[in-house]
Amino acid sequence: MVDIFYGIYHRRLTEIGSNYSLERVDRIHNMLGRLIDAGDVRDLWRQLPINASGSFRVVAVDGGVRELELRDGSALIIARAIAVNNVGEEPVKDVIVNWVPVFTPVIKWVLLSLIEDEVALKAVEGGKYEFLLMDGSLYAKITALIHELILTKGFLDLYYIPEVVKALEALYNLLERAREMNVKVVFVSKDSKLKIYKDYILFKAIKGLILDDAPFVNVDKGLLDILNRGIDWYSIVWIRNYRNKLISLAKGYNGAHRDLIRMGIRVLLSQSISDVTLLEELAKMQGIRRGLTRKLLIGAMDAYLNYKSLTQIDNLLRFIRDRVEDSAGLRVVDDYGEISIEDELSKIRNVLTNFPRILMTYVKFHSDDAPMALEIPYYDWPMFNHSVPPKLFYDKTDIGDYLGMLMSMYRDPIHYNKLLWLAHEYANFSESQFLEYAIAAVSKLKVPTKRRFGMAFNMDLNPRIDNAQDYID
């Protein structure tokens, strides 16, 4: 069918192009450079001394997930994952097919996380590999799972608390088993939206500028406390109280560096500027074409958990208990399976007590690359161990072997890792593949899909029922 909307779309696109000011972007980038200078973090990037050499036995894991919504509000979730390797072994692959009584987006990513970790565990236990590559952010994954256990994003999410617990335990078991098998794990994020380094750099810069004004401006201790939390946590601007105080600071500060501080706070509050934006600017300033940032050791630095005193595991479990109890009640009503509340809490306690810290860095293998995030589990200190600051630069750990392995698999900015790219190509659902899965589900299970799904493919995807009365009964 001819696209009768394209002409309107093209006009709207032209309007956006003329209204969107590139000068604003340049202005922000110039300001970032001044703040970086003020924050004395110009040594954050280091030249990359590692060259690709040697051979490495590596397995890489990625997954894909889709949902088939049914007419009664339930859904069929299909999640699949594959582990591919460079030693000639048969890939490890598996598929989860779950019927869920109600559809919520959370069950998709929880089941995807679960199948990826289970496939990775099978590959690791084969005893063939030195390295395990996982796609995505380890910090984002563990934090999202913990948040799902305490934050009621949607009432229907309560159905799937046991699946969240299972995914949390699967992630921990994978890391522990890899440790036992002497397999080095690294999570790779090519398009990271994290703001961990951004918070550290900008809050440190703003604090330094304010202290520089201190002989002439009265510095409030409460303000310094907020800035210190911004340096240590991620991300305090999500806390309304702190966000409002930062806005007040931007409006009312009258020290010598007031313009720079106001712009710095504006950038801090902007969620469109991430680590990658900041680190790219810093790399340009330093003339870094191929480089590695200083390594940051991450613990339980989540701003919400700290603000609510939930980095104490007993306090956190008290919050989680309510969600587990609510989930148990909903599941019984819908005959979705009974759960033991105490067993679920015991599993969570074990994971939270022992989950390792994370060593994080960004790397550029090519001048045209955006910084790529690497996250490595650091087993010496648990994530919720308060004897160590929640965020700490920790440069003494050598990760040269990780870098050598990653460089040996680098091709270009698109194919940043040959194995991860291959795993993605296998695991990601194409539209034609998913249609085939949907047709098979309708035929096999005799389930009616939502009409909009059939309309999307211009097909009748309702089951053929020989005896309609039997179906109604």
Protein backbone atom coordinates (compact mmCIF):
# COMPACT_ATOMS: atom_id res chain seq x y z
CA MET A 1 0.00 0.00 0.00
CA VAL A 2 1.25 3.49 -0.84
CA ASP A 3 2.31 5.53 2.20
CA ILE A 4 -0.05 8.53 2.03
CA PHE A 5 1.49 10.05 5.20
CA TYR A 6 5.11 10.42 4.08
CA GLY A 7 4.72 13.93 2.66
CA ILE A 8 3.34 15.22 5.98
CA TYR A 9 6.08 13.39 7.88
CA HIS A 10 8.80 14.96 5.74
CA ARG A 11 7.42 18.48 6.34
CA ARG A 12 7.30 17.89 10.11
CA LEU A 13 10.86 16.54 10.01
CA THR A 14 12.02 19.69 8.22
CA GLU A 15 10.29 21.84 10.85
CA ILE A 16 12.10 19.98 13.64
CA GLY A 17 15.44 20.37 11.88
CA SER A 18 14.98 24.13 11.58
CA ASN A 19 13.81 24.56 15.17
CA TYR A 20 16.34 22.30 16.89
CA SER A 21 19.32 24.44 17.77
CA LEU A 22 22.69 22.77 17.31
CA GLU A 23 24.16 25.83 19.00
CA ARG A 24 22.61 24.62 22.26
CA VAL A 25 24.49 21.33 21.96
CA ASP A 26 27.78 23.12 21.23
CA ARG A 27 27.20 25.45 24.18
CA ILE A 28 26.67 22.51 26.54
CA HIS A 29 29.79 20.76 25.24
CA ASN A 30 31.91 23.87 25.75
CA MET A 31 30.59 24.20 29.28
CA LEU A 32 31.41 20.56 30.00
CA GLY A 33 35.01 21.24 29.12
CA ARG A 34 35.20 24.15 31.59
CA LEU A 35 33.62 22.07 34.34
CA ILE A 36 36.00 19.19 33.72
CA ASP A 37 38.91 21.60 34.06
CA ALA A 38 37.45 22.98 37.27
CA GLY A 39 36.84 19.50 38.66
CA ASP A 40 40.47 18.49 38.21
CA VAL A 41 39.55 15.16 36.60
CA ARG A 42 41.54 15.64 33.42
CA ASP A 43 43.41 12.40 34.13
CA LEU A 44 40.22 10.31 33.98
CA TRP A 45 41.15 8.99 30.53
CA ARG A 46 44.38 7.02 30.09
CA GLN A 47 46.05 5.99 26.85
CA LEU A 48 45.31 2.37 25.99
CA PRO A 49 48.59 0.45 26.21
CA ILE A 50 47.19 -2.96 25.30
CA ASN A 51 47.53 -4.46 21.84
CA ALA A 52 45.59 -7.46 20.59
CA SER A 53 47.74 -10.54 20.94
CA GLY A 54 47.33 -14.14 21.98
CA SER A 55 44.34 -16.45 21.75
CA PHE A 56 41.43 -16.54 24.17
CA ARG A 57 38.72 -19.14 24.76
CA VAL A 58 35.55 -17.07 24.91
CA VAL A 59 31.80 -17.62 25.05
CA ALA A 60 29.30 -14.78 24.49
CA VAL A 61 25.61 -14.65 25.43
CA ASP A 62 22.68 -12.58 24.19
CA GLY A 63 18.93 -13.04 24.07
CA GLY A 64 15.66 -11.83 22.60
CA VAL A 65 12.09 -11.67 23.88
CA ARG A 66 8.61 -11.04 22.44
CA GLU A 67 5.08 -11.28 23.75
CA LEU A 68 1.89 -12.57 22.16
CA GLU A 69 -1.02 -10.86 23.91
CA LEU A 70 -4.21 -12.89 24.07
CA ARG A 71 -7.76 -11.66 23.94
CA ASP A 72 -8.52 -12.38 27.59
CA GLY A 73 -5.67 -10.14 28.81
CA SER A 74 -3.19 -12.94 29.39
CA ALA A 75 -0.09 -13.37 27.26
CA LEU A 76 2.43 -15.84 25.97
CA ILE A 77 6.01 -14.68 26.62
CA ILE A 78 8.72 -16.15 24.40
CA ALA A 79 12.28 -15.50 25.56
CA ARG A 80 15.31 -17.13 23.99
CA ALA A 81 19.07 -16.92 24.44
CA ILE A 82 22.18 -18.36 22.88
CA ALA A 83 25.80 -18.79 23.94
CA VAL A 84 28.25 -18.78 21.00
CA ASN A 85 31.97 -19.44 21.25
CA ASN A 86 35.26 -19.29 19.37
CA VAL A 87 36.49 -22.81 20.14
CA GLY A 88 34.27 -24.77 17.79
CA GLU A 89 31.79 -26.02 20.41
CA GLU A 90 28.10 -26.40 19.58
CA PRO A 91 26.23 -23.24 20.73
CA VAL A 92 24.17 -23.55 23.90
CA LYS A 93 20.62 -22.33 23.35
CA ASP A 94 17.25 -22.46 25.06
CA VAL A 95 13.76 -20.96 24.92
CA ILE A 96 11.32 -20.03 27.68
CA VAL A 97 7.64 -20.14 26.73
CA ASN A 98 5.53 -18.85 29.62
CA TRP A 99 1.84 -18.23 29.80
CA VAL A 100 1.16 -15.34 32.18
CA PRO A 101 -2.32 -14.41 33.49
CA VAL A 102 -1.80 -10.69 32.86
CA PHE A 103 0.74 -8.94 30.68
CA THR A 104 3.09 -6.31 32.10
CA PRO A 105 6.37 -5.19 30.51
CA VAL A 106 8.36 -6.26 33.56
CA ILE A 107 7.76 -9.97 32.96
CA LYS A 108 9.43 -9.68 29.54
CA TRP A 109 12.79 -8.39 30.73
CA VAL A 110 12.74 -10.60 33.84
CA LEU A 111 12.30 -13.75 31.74
CA LEU A 112 14.90 -12.50 29.25
CA SER A 113 17.38 -11.99 32.08
CA LEU A 114 16.56 -15.44 33.43
CA ILE A 115 17.06 -17.32 30.16
CA GLU A 116 20.31 -15.46 29.38
CA ASP A 117 21.77 -16.34 32.78
CA GLU A 118 20.64 -19.97 32.56
CA VAL A 119 22.16 -20.41 29.10
CA ALA A 120 25.37 -18.72 30.26
CA LEU A 121 25.53 -21.04 33.27
CA LYS A 122 25.24 -24.13 31.06
CA ALA A 123 28.06 -22.84 28.86
CA VAL A 124 30.31 -22.01 31.83
CA GLU A 125 29.79 -25.43 33.40
CA GLY A 126 31.04 -27.04 30.19
CA GLY A 127 34.54 -26.10 31.36
CA LYS A 128 35.78 -24.91 27.95
CA TYR A 129 36.23 -21.17 28.43
CA GLU A 130 38.43 -18.51 29.99
CA PHE A 131 36.02 -15.61 29.45
CA LEU A 132 32.25 -15.10 29.49
CA LEU A 133 30.85 -12.06 27.66
CA MET A 134 27.38 -10.83 28.64
CA ASP A 135 25.50 -8.15 26.73
CA GLY A 136 24.29 -5.18 28.79
CA SER A 137 25.02 -3.63 32.18
CA LEU A 138 25.52 -5.75 35.31
CA TYR A 139 24.80 -2.74 37.54
CA ALA A 140 21.58 -1.89 35.69
CA LYS A 141 20.43 -5.51 35.83
CA ILE A 142 20.98 -6.08 39.55
CA THR A 143 19.57 -2.66 40.47
CA ALA A 144 16.47 -3.11 38.31
CA LEU A 145 15.75 -6.50 39.89
CA ILE A 146 16.11 -5.08 43.42
CA HIS A 147 13.90 -2.11 42.55
CA GLU A 148 11.25 -4.44 41.21
CA LEU A 149 11.15 -6.11 44.62
CA ILE A 150 10.43 -2.87 46.49
CA LEU A 151 8.82 -0.35 44.13
CA THR A 152 5.22 -0.76 43.01
CA LYS A 153 5.59 0.44 39.44
CA GLY A 154 2.30 -1.24 38.60
CA PHE A 155 -0.14 -3.31 40.61
CA LEU A 156 -0.04 -6.17 38.11
CA ASP A 157 3.75 -6.44 38.50
CA LEU A 158 3.06 -8.06 41.87
CA TYR A 159 2.15 -11.28 40.06
CA TYR A 160 5.74 -11.78 39.02
CA ILE A 161 7.73 -11.24 42.20
CA PRO A 162 8.73 -14.98 42.30
CA GLU A 163 10.08 -14.67 38.74
CA VAL A 164 12.06 -11.59 39.81
CA VAL A 165 13.51 -13.57 42.73
CA LYS A 166 14.38 -16.44 40.40
CA ALA A 167 16.13 -14.07 37.98
CA LEU A 168 18.02 -12.43 40.85
CA GLU A 169 19.18 -15.82 42.10
CA ALA A 170 20.11 -16.98 38.58
CA LEU A 171 22.33 -13.92 38.09
CA TYR A 172 24.10 -14.51 41.40
CA ASN A 173 24.51 -18.25 40.74
CA LEU A 174 26.04 -17.50 37.34
CA LEU A 175 28.66 -15.17 38.82
CA GLU A 176 29.49 -17.59 41.63
CA ARG A 177 29.77 -20.59 39.33
CA ALA A 178 31.98 -18.63 36.92
CA ARG A 179 34.23 -17.77 39.85
CA GLU A 180 34.47 -21.44 40.85
CA MET A 181 35.29 -22.42 37.25
CA ASN A 182 37.93 -19.65 36.90
CA VAL A 183 35.92 -18.03 34.11
CA LYS A 184 36.33 -14.26 33.90
CA VAL A 185 33.01 -12.47 33.39
CA VAL A 186 32.59 -9.09 31.71
CA PHE A 187 29.36 -7.27 30.87
CA VAL A 188 29.62 -5.05 27.78
CA SER A 189 27.33 -2.05 27.09
CA LYS A 190 27.82 -0.42 23.71
CA ASP A 191 25.00 2.12 24.10
CA SER A 192 25.13 2.82 27.82
CA LYS A 193 22.70 5.41 29.23
CA LEU A 194 24.25 5.27 32.70
CA LYS A 195 25.25 8.50 34.47
CA ILE A 196 27.60 7.11 37.10
CA TYR A 197 30.77 8.87 35.94
CA LYS A 198 28.79 11.98 35.03
CA ASP A 199 27.51 12.31 38.60
CA TYR A 200 30.96 11.80 40.07
CA ILE A 201 32.70 14.28 37.78
CA LEU A 202 30.12 17.07 37.87
CA PHE A 203 29.30 16.91 41.58
CA LYS A 204 33.01 16.87 42.36
CA ALA A 205 33.56 19.88 40.08
CA ILE A 206 30.68 21.86 41.61
CA LYS A 207 31.87 21.07 45.13
CA GLY A 208 35.39 22.20 44.21
CA LEU A 209 34.11 25.48 42.75
CA ILE A 210 32.01 26.22 45.82
CA LEU A 211 34.87 25.47 48.20
CA ASP A 212 37.06 27.72 46.07
CA ASP A 213 34.57 30.50 46.82
CA ALA A 214 34.42 29.58 50.52
CA PRO A 215 36.59 32.46 51.86
CA PHE A 216 34.09 34.90 50.33
CA VAL A 217 30.81 32.95 50.45
CA ASN A 218 29.28 31.23 53.47
CA VAL A 219 29.08 27.52 52.57
CA ASP A 220 26.13 25.71 54.12
CA LYS A 221 27.01 22.30 55.59
CA GLY A 222 23.72 20.89 54.37
CA LEU A 223 24.64 21.88 50.85
CA LEU A 224 28.01 20.16 51.12
CA ASP A 225 26.22 17.05 52.37
CA ILE A 226 24.06 17.00 49.24
CA LEU A 227 27.11 17.42 47.01
CA ASN A 228 28.92 14.60 48.80
CA ARG A 229 25.90 12.34 48.32
CA GLY A 230 25.93 13.26 44.64
CA ILE A 231 29.57 12.19 44.42
CA ASP A 232 28.97 8.89 46.24
CA TRP A 233 25.49 7.87 45.01
CA TYR A 234 23.62 7.29 41.77
CA SER A 235 21.58 9.36 41.08
CA ILE A 236 20.41 11.87 43.68
CA VAL A 237 18.52 14.02 41.17
CA TRP A 238 15.87 11.28 41.16
CA ILE A 239 15.14 12.22 44.80
CA ARG A 240 12.71 15.16 44.75
CA ASN A 241 14.06 16.75 47.92
CA TYR A 242 17.65 16.81 46.62
CA ARG A 243 16.56 17.86 43.15
CA ASN A 244 14.67 20.87 44.53
CA LYS A 245 17.66 21.90 46.65
CA LEU A 246 19.94 21.74 43.62
CA ILE A 247 17.51 23.91 41.67
CA SER A 248 17.48 26.40 44.56
CA LEU A 249 21.27 26.42 44.56
CA ALA A 250 21.34 27.15 40.84
CA LYS A 251 18.93 30.04 41.27
CA GLY A 252 20.41 31.59 44.39
CA TYR A 253 24.16 31.05 44.30
CA ASN A 254 26.13 34.30 43.94
CA GLY A 255 29.77 33.23 44.24
CA ALA A 256 32.43 34.04 41.67
CA HIS A 257 31.70 30.84 39.75
CA ARG A 258 27.92 31.26 39.77
CA ASP A 259 27.41 30.96 35.98
CA LEU A 260 29.46 27.80 35.75
CA ILE A 261 27.76 26.26 38.78
CA ARG A 262 24.31 27.08 37.44
CA MET A 263 25.10 25.49 34.09
CA GLY A 264 26.69 22.50 35.83
CA ILE A 265 23.56 21.87 37.88
CA ARG A 266 21.46 22.19 34.76
CA VAL A 267 23.54 19.48 33.09
CA LEU A 268 23.34 17.32 36.22
CA LEU A 269 19.56 17.55 36.16
CA SER A 270 19.42 16.80 32.43
CA GLN A 271 18.76 13.10 31.92
CA SER A 272 19.68 13.38 28.23
CA ILE A 273 23.38 13.74 29.07
CA SER A 274 24.97 10.46 30.08
CA ASP A 275 28.44 9.14 30.88
CA VAL A 276 29.09 8.65 27.17
CA THR A 277 28.41 12.32 26.35
CA LEU A 278 30.68 13.55 29.12
CA LEU A 279 33.47 11.06 28.47
CA GLU A 280 33.46 11.76 24.72
CA GLU A 281 33.99 15.45 25.45
CA LEU A 282 36.77 14.68 27.89
CA ALA A 283 38.47 12.36 25.38
CA LYS A 284 38.43 15.16 22.78
CA MET A 285 39.98 17.56 25.28
CA GLN A 286 42.77 15.12 26.06
CA GLY A 287 43.28 14.03 22.45
CA ILE A 288 42.44 10.43 23.35
CA ARG A 289 41.83 8.29 20.26
CA ARG A 290 42.18 4.91 21.98
CA GLY A 291 41.88 4.93 25.74
CA LEU A 292 40.61 3.56 29.02
CA THR A 293 39.04 5.46 31.90
CA ARG A 294 40.02 5.02 35.52
CA LYS A 295 38.28 2.04 37.09
CA LEU A 296 35.38 2.75 39.44
CA LEU A 297 34.46 0.23 42.14
CA ILE A 298 30.70 0.24 42.66
CA GLY A 299 28.78 -0.95 45.71
CA ALA A 300 25.22 -0.29 46.87
CA MET A 301 25.28 3.32 45.67
CA ASP A 302 21.65 3.52 44.49
CA ALA A 303 20.23 6.86 45.66
CA TYR A 304 16.75 5.54 46.46
CA LEU A 305 18.06 2.65 48.57
CA ASN A 306 20.40 4.95 50.47
CA TYR A 307 17.78 7.69 50.92
CA LYS A 308 15.33 5.17 52.43
CA SER A 309 18.07 3.44 54.52
CA LEU A 310 17.54 0.26 52.51
CA THR A 311 21.21 -0.51 52.04
CA GLN A 312 20.87 -2.29 55.39
CA ILE A 313 19.80 -5.76 54.28
CA ASP A 314 17.37 -6.34 57.16
CA ASN A 315 15.57 -3.07 56.35
CA LEU A 316 15.46 -3.97 52.68
CA LEU A 317 14.00 -7.41 53.41
CA ARG A 318 11.21 -5.86 55.48
CA PHE A 319 10.19 -3.84 52.43
CA ILE A 320 10.45 -6.86 50.17
CA ARG A 321 8.33 -9.07 52.46
CA ASP A 322 5.20 -7.00 51.77
CA ARG A 323 5.64 -7.42 48.03
CA VAL A 324 6.21 -11.16 48.32
CA GLU A 325 3.09 -11.55 50.48
CA ASP A 326 0.99 -9.53 48.01
CA SER A 327 2.28 -11.65 45.14
CA ALA A 328 1.43 -14.88 46.95
CA GLY A 329 -2.16 -13.71 47.41
CA LEU A 330 -2.67 -12.72 43.77
CA ARG A 331 -1.18 -15.92 42.39
CA VAL A 332 -3.41 -18.14 44.53
CA VAL A 333 -6.53 -16.35 43.29
CA ASP A 334 -5.58 -16.99 39.65
CA ASP A 335 -4.29 -20.53 40.26
CA TYR A 336 -0.85 -19.34 39.13
CA GLY A 337 1.01 -21.43 41.68
CA GLU A 338 1.65 -21.20 45.40
CA ILE A 339 4.89 -19.81 46.81
CA SER A 340 6.58 -20.06 50.21
CA ILE A 341 7.15 -16.55 51.53
CA GLU A 342 9.97 -17.60 53.85
CA ASP A 343 11.74 -19.55 51.10
CA GLU A 344 11.60 -16.55 48.77
CA LEU A 345 12.99 -14.22 51.45
CA SER A 346 15.77 -16.69 52.27
CA LYS A 347 16.86 -16.74 48.63
CA ILE A 348 16.87 -12.95 48.47
CA ARG A 349 18.87 -12.61 51.69
CA ASN A 350 21.54 -14.98 50.40
CA VAL A 351 21.92 -13.07 47.14
CA LEU A 352 21.99 -9.62 48.75
CA THR A 353 24.48 -10.70 51.41
CA ASN A 354 26.98 -12.15 48.95
CA PHE A 355 26.49 -10.33 45.64
CA PRO A 356 29.87 -8.98 44.50
CA ARG A 357 30.78 -5.39 43.87
CA ILE A 358 31.29 -4.22 40.31
CA LEU A 359 34.45 -2.82 38.73
CA MET A 360 33.43 -0.43 35.97
CA THR A 361 35.39 1.32 33.24
CA TYR A 362 34.84 2.80 29.77
CA VAL A 363 37.05 2.00 26.79
CA LYS A 364 37.62 3.35 23.27
CA PHE A 365 39.27 0.94 20.84
CA HIS A 366 39.00 3.30 17.85
CA SER A 367 38.90 7.06 17.37
CA ASP A 368 35.38 6.83 15.88
CA ASP A 369 34.03 4.77 18.78
CA ALA A 370 31.74 6.07 21.48
CA PRO A 371 33.02 5.00 24.91
CA MET A 372 31.95 1.43 25.68
CA ALA A 373 31.14 0.42 29.27
CA LEU A 374 32.78 -2.67 30.76
CA GLU A 375 31.60 -4.11 34.08
CA ILE A 376 33.45 -6.88 35.88
CA PRO A 377 32.29 -8.60 39.09
CA TYR A 378 34.73 -7.87 41.93
CA TYR A 379 34.42 -10.68 44.46
CA ASP A 380 36.67 -9.34 47.24
CA TRP A 381 33.95 -7.07 48.66
CA PRO A 382 30.18 -7.67 48.64
CA MET A 383 27.94 -4.98 47.17
CA PHE A 384 26.21 -4.26 50.52
CA ASN A 385 29.42 -4.20 52.59
CA HIS A 386 29.54 -0.74 54.20
CA SER A 387 33.20 -0.91 55.23
CA VAL A 388 34.06 0.41 51.75
CA PRO A 389 32.57 3.59 50.17
CA PRO A 390 29.75 2.90 47.70
CA LYS A 391 31.74 4.51 44.88
CA LEU A 392 35.52 4.46 44.77
CA PHE A 393 38.20 4.81 42.10
CA TYR A 394 40.21 1.61 42.34
CA ASP A 395 43.08 1.57 39.86
CA LYS A 396 45.28 -1.13 41.32
CA THR A 397 43.31 -3.99 39.72
CA ASP A 398 44.85 -5.06 36.41
CA ILE A 399 42.34 -5.83 33.66
CA GLY A 400 44.86 -6.12 30.83
CA ASP A 401 43.75 -9.67 30.00
CA TYR A 402 40.12 -8.50 29.59
CA LEU A 403 41.22 -5.68 27.30
CA GLY A 404 43.45 -7.97 25.22
CA MET A 405 40.58 -10.40 24.76
CA LEU A 406 38.12 -7.66 23.76
CA MET A 407 40.57 -6.06 21.35
CA SER A 408 41.24 -9.40 19.66
CA MET A 409 37.52 -9.58 18.80
CA TYR A 410 37.07 -5.95 17.73
CA ARG A 411 36.32 -5.28 14.06
CA ASP A 412 34.74 -1.80 13.80
CA PRO A 413 32.36 0.51 15.73
CA ILE A 414 29.37 -1.56 14.56
CA HIS A 415 30.91 -5.00 15.10
CA TYR A 416 32.52 -3.98 18.40
CA ASN A 417 32.75 -7.64 19.44
CA LYS A 418 32.48 -10.44 16.90
CA LEU A 419 30.99 -13.00 19.28
CA LEU A 420 28.47 -10.68 20.94
CA TRP A 421 27.40 -9.44 17.53
CA LEU A 422 26.93 -13.03 16.35
CA ALA A 423 24.94 -13.93 19.48
CA HIS A 424 22.71 -10.91 18.90
CA GLU A 425 22.09 -11.89 15.27
CA TYR A 426 20.97 -15.35 16.35
CA ALA A 427 18.88 -14.35 19.38
CA ASN A 428 17.11 -11.22 18.17
CA PHE A 429 13.59 -11.84 16.80
CA SER A 430 12.91 -10.75 13.24
CA GLU A 431 9.28 -9.94 12.42
CA SER A 432 9.00 -12.97 10.16
CA GLN A 433 10.38 -15.25 12.85
CA PHE A 434 7.98 -13.97 15.47
CA LEU A 435 5.04 -14.34 13.10
CA GLU A 436 6.01 -17.98 12.64
CA TYR A 437 6.12 -18.43 16.43
CA ALA A 438 2.71 -16.74 16.78
CA ILE A 439 1.06 -18.89 14.11
CA ALA A 440 2.42 -22.02 15.80
CA ALA A 441 1.05 -20.88 19.19
CA VAL A 442 -2.41 -20.15 17.79
CA SER A 443 -2.50 -23.49 16.00
CA LYS A 444 -1.12 -25.57 18.87
CA LEU A 445 -2.80 -23.95 21.87
CA LYS A 446 -6.06 -22.82 20.26
CA VAL A 447 -5.79 -19.36 21.79
CA PRO A 448 -7.36 -16.20 20.34
CA THR A 449 -4.95 -13.27 20.05
CA LYS A 450 -5.80 -9.60 20.32
CA ARG A 451 -7.26 -8.35 17.06
CA ARG A 452 -4.60 -5.67 16.67
CA PHE A 453 -1.93 -8.36 16.40
CA GLY A 454 -3.63 -9.96 13.41
CA MET A 455 -4.20 -6.53 11.89
CA ALA A 456 -0.49 -5.73 12.18
CA PHE A 457 0.33 -8.70 9.96
CA ASN A 458 -2.87 -8.49 7.87
CA MET A 459 -3.72 -12.06 8.85
CA ASP A 460 -6.43 -13.90 10.70
CA LEU A 461 -4.58 -15.34 13.70
CA ASN A 462 -7.57 -16.73 15.56
CA PRO A 463 -7.71 -20.49 16.15
CA ARG A 464 -9.92 -22.81 14.13
CA ILE A 465 -12.22 -24.58 16.59
CA ASP A 466 -14.14 -27.55 15.25
CA ASN A 467 -16.63 -27.70 18.11
CA ALA A 468 -17.45 -24.17 19.25
CA GLN A 469 -19.76 -25.37 22.02
CA ASP A 470 -16.96 -27.48 23.56
CA TYR A 471 -14.72 -24.42 23.50
CA ILE A 472 -17.34 -22.29 25.26
CA ASP A 473 -17.92 -25.00 27.87
